[in-house]
N, C-alpha and C. Protein backbone atom coordinates (compact mmCIF):
# COMPACT_ATOMS: atom_id res chain seq x y z
N MET A 1 63.08 58.95 227.32
CA MET A 1 63.73 59.96 226.50
C MET A 1 63.43 59.62 225.03
N ASN A 2 62.97 60.61 224.29
CA ASN A 2 62.67 60.35 222.87
C ASN A 2 63.90 60.66 222.00
N VAL A 3 63.79 60.30 220.74
CA VAL A 3 64.91 60.46 219.80
C VAL A 3 65.28 61.94 219.66
N GLU A 4 64.29 62.82 219.68
CA GLU A 4 64.56 64.25 219.55
C GLU A 4 65.47 64.73 220.67
N ASN A 5 65.21 64.33 221.90
CA ASN A 5 66.05 64.75 223.02
C ASN A 5 67.46 64.18 222.90
N ILE A 6 67.56 62.96 222.42
CA ILE A 6 68.89 62.37 222.22
C ILE A 6 69.68 63.18 221.19
N LEU A 7 69.00 63.61 220.12
CA LEU A 7 69.65 64.43 219.09
C LEU A 7 70.08 65.78 219.66
N PHE A 8 69.25 66.36 220.54
CA PHE A 8 69.63 67.63 221.18
C PHE A 8 70.84 67.45 222.08
N VAL A 9 70.91 66.34 222.80
CA VAL A 9 72.06 66.06 223.64
C VAL A 9 73.32 65.92 222.78
N LEU A 10 73.21 65.15 221.69
CA LEU A 10 74.36 64.97 220.79
C LEU A 10 74.83 66.30 220.21
N LEU A 11 73.88 67.12 219.75
CA LEU A 11 74.23 68.43 219.19
C LEU A 11 74.89 69.31 220.25
N SER A 12 74.33 69.33 221.45
CA SER A 12 74.90 70.16 222.51
C SER A 12 76.31 69.72 222.87
N LEU A 13 76.52 68.41 223.00
CA LEU A 13 77.85 67.92 223.32
C LEU A 13 78.86 68.22 222.22
N LEU A 14 78.42 68.07 220.98
CA LEU A 14 79.30 68.38 219.84
C LEU A 14 79.65 69.87 219.84
N LEU A 15 78.66 70.72 220.08
CA LEU A 15 78.91 72.16 220.11
C LEU A 15 79.83 72.55 221.26
N ILE A 16 79.64 71.94 222.41
CA ILE A 16 80.52 72.24 223.56
C ILE A 16 81.94 71.81 223.25
N GLY A 17 82.10 70.61 222.71
CA GLY A 17 83.44 70.12 222.39
C GLY A 17 84.15 70.97 221.35
N VAL A 18 83.46 71.25 220.26
CA VAL A 18 84.07 72.03 219.18
C VAL A 18 84.26 73.49 219.59
N GLY A 19 83.30 74.04 220.35
CA GLY A 19 83.43 75.42 220.82
C GLY A 19 84.57 75.60 221.79
N PHE A 20 84.69 74.67 222.73
CA PHE A 20 85.78 74.73 223.71
C PHE A 20 87.13 74.54 223.03
N ASP A 21 87.17 73.75 221.96
CA ASP A 21 88.41 73.52 221.22
C ASP A 21 88.95 74.80 220.58
N LYS A 22 88.11 75.78 220.37
CA LYS A 22 88.56 77.05 219.80
C LYS A 22 89.46 77.81 220.77
N PHE A 23 89.36 77.51 222.07
CA PHE A 23 90.14 78.20 223.10
C PHE A 23 91.29 77.35 223.65
N HIS A 24 91.04 76.07 223.79
CA HIS A 24 92.05 75.13 224.30
C HIS A 24 92.08 73.92 223.37
N PRO A 25 92.87 74.00 222.30
CA PRO A 25 92.86 72.94 221.28
C PRO A 25 93.19 71.56 221.86
N PHE A 26 92.28 70.64 221.67
CA PHE A 26 92.50 69.26 222.11
C PHE A 26 92.07 68.25 221.05
N LEU A 27 91.30 68.70 220.06
CA LEU A 27 90.86 67.79 219.00
C LEU A 27 91.99 67.60 218.00
N GLU A 28 92.20 66.37 217.58
CA GLU A 28 93.24 66.06 216.60
C GLU A 28 92.63 65.41 215.38
N PRO A 29 93.00 65.78 214.21
CA PRO A 29 93.86 66.90 213.88
C PRO A 29 93.10 68.22 214.05
N PRO A 30 93.81 69.31 214.30
CA PRO A 30 93.12 70.61 214.44
C PRO A 30 92.49 71.03 213.12
N CYS A 31 91.48 71.85 213.24
CA CYS A 31 90.78 72.33 212.05
C CYS A 31 91.73 73.15 211.18
N SER A 32 91.81 72.80 209.93
CA SER A 32 92.73 73.49 209.02
C SER A 32 92.27 74.91 208.69
N LEU A 33 91.03 75.21 208.97
CA LEU A 33 90.51 76.55 208.71
C LEU A 33 91.05 77.57 209.72
N GLU A 34 91.48 77.10 210.88
CA GLU A 34 91.96 77.99 211.94
C GLU A 34 93.12 78.87 211.46
N ALA A 35 94.03 78.29 210.69
CA ALA A 35 95.19 79.05 210.22
C ALA A 35 94.81 80.12 209.19
N LYS A 36 93.65 79.99 208.59
CA LYS A 36 93.23 80.93 207.54
C LYS A 36 92.26 81.98 208.04
N MET A 37 91.92 81.95 209.33
CA MET A 37 90.96 82.90 209.88
C MET A 37 91.63 83.81 210.90
N PRO A 38 91.15 85.05 211.04
CA PRO A 38 91.66 85.91 212.11
C PRO A 38 91.32 85.30 213.48
N VAL A 39 92.17 85.52 214.46
CA VAL A 39 91.99 84.95 215.79
C VAL A 39 90.65 85.37 216.40
N LEU A 40 90.30 86.64 216.23
CA LEU A 40 89.04 87.13 216.80
C LEU A 40 87.84 86.41 216.20
N ALA A 41 87.85 86.17 214.90
CA ALA A 41 86.76 85.45 214.25
C ALA A 41 86.69 84.01 214.76
N TRP A 42 87.85 83.38 214.92
CA TRP A 42 87.92 82.00 215.40
C TRP A 42 87.34 81.89 216.81
N LYS A 43 87.74 82.81 217.69
CA LYS A 43 87.24 82.81 219.07
C LYS A 43 85.75 83.15 219.11
N SER A 44 85.31 84.04 218.24
CA SER A 44 83.89 84.41 218.18
C SER A 44 83.03 83.21 217.79
N ILE A 45 83.51 82.42 216.86
CA ILE A 45 82.78 81.22 216.47
C ILE A 45 82.69 80.26 217.65
N GLY A 46 83.78 80.14 218.41
CA GLY A 46 83.78 79.29 219.60
C GLY A 46 82.77 79.75 220.63
N ILE A 47 82.73 81.05 220.87
CA ILE A 47 81.77 81.61 221.82
C ILE A 47 80.35 81.34 221.34
N MET A 48 80.09 81.56 220.05
CA MET A 48 78.77 81.32 219.50
C MET A 48 78.36 79.85 219.66
N GLN A 49 79.29 78.93 219.41
CA GLN A 49 78.97 77.51 219.54
C GLN A 49 78.64 77.16 220.99
N LEU A 50 79.38 77.71 221.93
CA LEU A 50 79.11 77.43 223.34
C LEU A 50 77.76 78.01 223.77
N ILE A 51 77.45 79.21 223.31
CA ILE A 51 76.16 79.83 223.65
C ILE A 51 75.00 79.04 223.05
N ILE A 52 75.14 78.63 221.80
CA ILE A 52 74.07 77.85 221.16
C ILE A 52 73.88 76.51 221.85
N ALA A 53 74.97 75.89 222.32
CA ALA A 53 74.87 74.61 223.02
C ALA A 53 73.98 74.72 224.26
N ILE A 54 73.98 75.89 224.89
CA ILE A 54 73.16 76.10 226.08
C ILE A 54 71.75 76.56 225.70
N LEU A 55 71.67 77.53 224.80
CA LEU A 55 70.37 78.12 224.44
C LEU A 55 69.45 77.18 223.66
N VAL A 56 70.01 76.15 223.05
CA VAL A 56 69.20 75.24 222.25
C VAL A 56 68.17 74.49 223.12
N TRP A 57 68.36 74.51 224.43
CA TRP A 57 67.42 73.86 225.34
C TRP A 57 66.24 74.76 225.71
N GLN A 58 66.27 76.01 225.27
CA GLN A 58 65.16 76.93 225.52
C GLN A 58 64.12 76.74 224.42
N LYS A 59 62.98 76.18 224.76
CA LYS A 59 61.99 75.80 223.74
C LYS A 59 61.45 76.99 222.95
N LYS A 60 61.38 78.17 223.55
CA LYS A 60 60.80 79.33 222.86
C LYS A 60 61.64 79.79 221.68
N ILE A 61 62.95 79.66 221.77
CA ILE A 61 63.82 80.17 220.70
C ILE A 61 64.51 79.06 219.92
N ARG A 62 64.20 77.82 220.24
CA ARG A 62 64.90 76.66 219.67
C ARG A 62 64.88 76.64 218.14
N GLN A 63 63.72 76.78 217.54
CA GLN A 63 63.62 76.67 216.07
C GLN A 63 64.37 77.80 215.36
N TYR A 64 64.27 79.01 215.90
CA TYR A 64 65.00 80.14 215.30
C TYR A 64 66.50 79.93 215.41
N LEU A 65 66.93 79.50 216.58
CA LEU A 65 68.35 79.26 216.83
C LEU A 65 68.89 78.17 215.91
N LEU A 66 68.15 77.08 215.80
CA LEU A 66 68.58 75.97 214.94
C LEU A 66 68.59 76.39 213.47
N GLY A 67 67.61 77.17 213.06
CA GLY A 67 67.57 77.65 211.68
C GLY A 67 68.77 78.54 211.37
N PHE A 68 69.07 79.46 212.28
CA PHE A 68 70.23 80.32 212.11
C PHE A 68 71.51 79.50 212.07
N PHE A 69 71.64 78.55 212.99
CA PHE A 69 72.86 77.76 213.07
C PHE A 69 73.03 76.87 211.84
N LEU A 70 71.94 76.35 211.31
CA LEU A 70 72.01 75.55 210.09
C LEU A 70 72.56 76.38 208.94
N VAL A 71 72.03 77.57 208.76
CA VAL A 71 72.51 78.46 207.69
C VAL A 71 73.97 78.83 207.93
N PHE A 72 74.32 79.12 209.17
CA PHE A 72 75.70 79.47 209.50
C PHE A 72 76.65 78.31 209.18
N MET A 73 76.28 77.10 209.55
CA MET A 73 77.14 75.95 209.29
C MET A 73 77.26 75.66 207.80
N LEU A 74 76.21 75.88 207.04
CA LEU A 74 76.31 75.74 205.59
C LEU A 74 77.28 76.77 205.02
N PHE A 75 77.26 77.98 205.58
CA PHE A 75 78.21 79.01 205.18
C PHE A 75 79.65 78.58 205.50
N ILE A 76 79.85 78.03 206.70
CA ILE A 76 81.19 77.57 207.11
C ILE A 76 81.66 76.42 206.22
N ILE A 77 80.77 75.54 205.85
CA ILE A 77 81.13 74.45 204.92
C ILE A 77 81.58 75.05 203.60
N GLY A 78 80.87 76.07 203.13
CA GLY A 78 81.26 76.76 201.90
C GLY A 78 82.63 77.42 202.03
N VAL A 79 82.89 78.04 203.18
CA VAL A 79 84.20 78.66 203.41
C VAL A 79 85.30 77.59 203.37
N HIS A 80 85.03 76.46 204.01
CA HIS A 80 85.99 75.35 203.96
C HIS A 80 86.31 74.97 202.52
N LEU A 81 85.28 74.80 201.74
CA LEU A 81 85.48 74.35 200.36
C LEU A 81 86.17 75.41 199.50
N LEU A 82 85.83 76.69 199.73
CA LEU A 82 86.45 77.76 198.96
C LEU A 82 87.92 77.98 199.31
N THR A 83 88.31 77.62 200.53
CA THR A 83 89.70 77.80 200.94
C THR A 83 90.50 76.50 200.82
N ASN A 84 89.92 75.53 200.14
CA ASN A 84 90.58 74.23 199.92
C ASN A 84 90.95 73.52 201.22
N THR A 85 90.11 73.64 202.22
CA THR A 85 90.26 72.86 203.45
C THR A 85 89.06 71.92 203.51
N TYR A 86 89.32 70.65 203.48
CA TYR A 86 88.25 69.69 203.32
C TYR A 86 87.95 68.89 204.58
N ASP A 87 88.42 69.32 205.72
CA ASP A 87 88.09 68.63 206.97
C ASP A 87 86.77 69.19 207.53
N ILE A 88 85.70 68.85 206.85
CA ILE A 88 84.39 69.44 207.17
C ILE A 88 83.47 68.47 207.91
N GLY A 89 84.04 67.42 208.49
CA GLY A 89 83.22 66.42 209.18
C GLY A 89 82.41 67.00 210.32
N GLY A 90 83.04 67.79 211.17
CA GLY A 90 82.32 68.40 212.30
C GLY A 90 81.23 69.34 211.83
N ALA A 91 81.55 70.15 210.83
CA ALA A 91 80.55 71.09 210.30
C ALA A 91 79.38 70.35 209.67
N LEU A 92 79.67 69.26 208.96
CA LEU A 92 78.60 68.46 208.37
C LEU A 92 77.71 67.83 209.43
N CYS A 93 78.32 67.33 210.50
CA CYS A 93 77.54 66.73 211.59
C CYS A 93 76.64 67.76 212.26
N MET A 94 77.21 68.94 212.56
CA MET A 94 76.42 69.98 213.20
C MET A 94 75.30 70.48 212.29
N ALA A 95 75.60 70.65 211.00
CA ALA A 95 74.57 71.08 210.05
C ALA A 95 73.51 70.00 209.90
N GLY A 96 73.93 68.75 209.82
CA GLY A 96 72.98 67.65 209.68
C GLY A 96 72.05 67.52 210.88
N LEU A 97 72.61 67.58 212.08
CA LEU A 97 71.78 67.50 213.29
C LEU A 97 70.84 68.70 213.39
N SER A 98 71.36 69.89 213.09
CA SER A 98 70.51 71.09 213.13
C SER A 98 69.38 70.99 212.12
N GLY A 99 69.71 70.56 210.91
CA GLY A 99 68.70 70.42 209.87
C GLY A 99 67.65 69.40 210.24
N LEU A 100 68.07 68.30 210.82
CA LEU A 100 67.12 67.26 211.23
C LEU A 100 66.19 67.78 212.33
N LEU A 101 66.74 68.55 213.26
CA LEU A 101 65.92 69.08 214.34
C LEU A 101 65.02 70.23 213.89
N VAL A 102 65.39 70.92 212.85
CA VAL A 102 64.51 71.95 212.28
C VAL A 102 63.38 71.29 211.50
N TRP A 103 63.72 70.26 210.74
CA TRP A 103 62.76 69.56 209.90
C TRP A 103 61.75 68.78 210.73
N LYS A 104 62.16 68.16 211.81
CA LYS A 104 61.34 67.37 212.73
C LYS A 104 60.52 66.28 212.02
N PRO A 105 61.19 65.33 211.38
CA PRO A 105 60.42 64.22 210.81
C PRO A 105 59.76 63.40 211.91
N LYS A 106 58.77 62.60 211.55
CA LYS A 106 57.99 61.86 212.54
C LYS A 106 58.82 60.92 213.40
N PHE A 107 59.88 60.35 212.85
CA PHE A 107 60.62 59.34 213.62
C PHE A 107 61.36 59.91 214.82
N ILE A 108 61.60 61.22 214.87
CA ILE A 108 62.33 61.74 216.02
C ILE A 108 61.43 61.96 217.24
N LYS A 109 60.13 61.78 217.09
CA LYS A 109 59.21 61.87 218.23
C LYS A 109 59.04 60.52 218.92
N VAL A 110 59.62 59.48 218.38
CA VAL A 110 59.48 58.13 218.93
C VAL A 110 60.28 58.02 220.22
N LYS A 111 59.72 57.30 221.18
CA LYS A 111 60.43 57.08 222.46
C LYS A 111 61.24 55.83 222.40
């Protein structure tokens, strides 16, 4: 297994965990942005995260999906900062992993 696949596994697991948390909260502390968003938007983000966790393994659409998700997570980080909610660790991790997988530096091809 190469480093790239390990990063895809980490991203998928993170997306599944955070996406599932939108429906059955188990992560502590809960995201402070939840109280400031409409329920439908919150659930839609969860659905999107779960779908991306699965679709990211499809090689044909992987780069487009990761590019979209990177931009989306940067937007969510901005929303966090604009609403004075600074618990952006999960969003930073997801954006960082997505950005790394879009960029594809040489070291992630190493076995």
